[in-house]
Amino acid sequence: MSFLSSPNVQKLKEDRDVPGLIKALNYPLKSQVRIAAAEALGSLADPRSETAGGSIKR
């Protein structure tokens, strides 16, 4: 999945799309997208999100 526009974090959260939310953590254009994705991952309490920290590009 690649983002041609800002990812819809709310939809990703509603769909429980953990891989999509992890990808949104690296969205380069808007910090609010990255913050919302991190918050969404935390609220889902999905074990896959525990490894998300290692996928963040610095």
C-alpha atoms as a PDB file:
ATOM      1  CA  MET A   1       0.000   0.000   0.000  1.00  0.00           C
ATOM      2  CA  SER A   2       1.346   3.387  -0.932  1.00  0.00           C
ATOM      3  CA  PHE A   3      -0.229   6.689  -0.054  1.00  0.00           C
ATOM      4  CA  LEU A   4      -0.897   9.139  -2.885  1.00  0.00           C
ATOM      5  CA  SER A   5      -2.626  11.416  -0.381  1.00  0.00           C
ATOM      6  CA  SER A   6      -2.691  11.543   3.394  1.00  0.00           C
ATOM      7  CA  PRO A   7      -3.714   8.187   4.849  1.00  0.00           C
ATOM      8  CA  ASN A   8      -7.156   8.072   6.454  1.00  0.00           C
ATOM      9  CA  VAL A   9      -6.025   6.987   9.898  1.00  0.00           C
ATOM     10  CA  GLN A  10      -9.581   6.860  11.252  1.00  0.00           C
ATOM     11  CA  LYS A  11     -10.598   4.392   8.519  1.00  0.00           C
ATOM     12  CA  LEU A  12      -7.455   2.336   9.048  1.00  0.00           C
ATOM     13  CA  LYS A  13      -8.290   2.184  12.761  1.00  0.00           C
ATOM     14  CA  GLU A  14     -11.936   1.254  12.124  1.00  0.00           C
ATOM     15  CA  ASP A  15     -10.789  -1.504   9.757  1.00  0.00           C
ATOM     16  CA  ARG A  16      -8.193  -2.633  12.333  1.00  0.00           C
ATOM     17  CA  ASP A  17      -5.630  -2.344   9.526  1.00  0.00           C
ATOM     18  CA  VAL A  18      -2.507  -2.673  11.664  1.00  0.00           C
ATOM     19  CA  PRO A  19      -0.105  -2.935   8.675  1.00  0.00           C
ATOM     20  CA  GLY A  20      -1.669   0.213   7.185  1.00  0.00           C
ATOM     21  CA  LEU A  21      -1.325   2.074  10.477  1.00  0.00           C
ATOM     22  CA  ILE A  22       2.291   0.973  10.801  1.00  0.00           C
ATOM     23  CA  LYS A  23       2.919   2.276   7.292  1.00  0.00           C
ATOM     24  CA  ALA A  24       1.239   5.570   8.261  1.00  0.00           C
ATOM     25  CA  LEU A  25       3.834   5.951  11.048  1.00  0.00           C
ATOM     26  CA  ASN A  26       6.324   6.765   8.289  1.00  0.00           C
ATOM     27  CA  TYR A  27       4.124   9.208   6.343  1.00  0.00           C
ATOM     28  CA  PRO A  28       6.639  11.975   5.621  1.00  0.00           C
ATOM     29  CA  LEU A  29       4.440  14.995   4.953  1.00  0.00           C
ATOM     30  CA  LYS A  30       2.322  15.493   8.070  1.00  0.00           C
ATOM     31  CA  SER A  31       3.359  14.842  11.633  1.00  0.00           C
ATOM     32  CA  GLN A  32      -0.282  14.769  12.727  1.00  0.00           C
ATOM     33  CA  VAL A  33      -0.784  11.636  10.564  1.00  0.00           C
ATOM     34  CA  ARG A  34       2.119   9.924  12.340  1.00  0.00           C
ATOM     35  CA  ILE A  35       0.802  10.932  15.756  1.00  0.00           C
ATOM     36  CA  ALA A  36      -2.744   9.755  14.957  1.00  0.00           C
ATOM     37  CA  ALA A  37      -1.394   6.448  13.642  1.00  0.00           C
ATOM     38  CA  ALA A  38       0.633   5.880  16.810  1.00  0.00           C
ATOM     39  CA  GLU A  39      -2.386   6.679  18.993  1.00  0.00           C
ATOM     40  CA  ALA A  40      -4.603   4.388  16.911  1.00  0.00           C
ATOM     41  CA  LEU A  41      -2.131   1.535  17.201  1.00  0.00           C
ATOM     42  CA  GLY A  42      -1.989   2.002  20.952  1.00  0.00           C
ATOM     43  CA  SER A  43      -5.762   1.937  21.268  1.00  0.00           C
ATOM     44  CA  LEU A  44      -6.128  -1.268  19.251  1.00  0.00           C
ATOM     45  CA  ALA A  45      -3.980  -3.314  21.626  1.00  0.00           C
ATOM     46  CA  ASP A  46      -3.039  -5.636  18.777  1.00  0.00           C
ATOM     47  CA  PRO A  47       0.130  -7.687  19.374  1.00  0.00           C
ATOM     48  CA  ARG A  48       1.393  -6.782  15.889  1.00  0.00           C
ATOM     49  CA  SER A  49       1.579  -3.131  16.907  1.00  0.00           C
ATOM     50  CA  GLU A  50       4.183  -3.910  19.559  1.00  0.00           C
ATOM     51  CA  THR A  51       6.774  -4.294  16.805  1.00  0.00           C
ATOM     52  CA  ALA A  52       5.779  -1.031  15.117  1.00  0.00           C
ATOM     53  CA  GLY A  53       8.481   0.984  16.861  1.00  0.00           C
ATOM     54  CA  GLY A  54      11.146  -0.836  14.910  1.00  0.00           C
ATOM     55  CA  SER A  55       9.569   0.135  11.587  1.00  0.00           C
ATOM     56  CA  ILE A  56       9.691   3.893  12.145  1.00  0.00           C
ATOM     57  CA  LYS A  57      12.182   5.590   9.856  1.00  0.00           C
ATOM     58  CA  ARG A  58      14.274   8.298  11.445  1.00  0.00           C
END
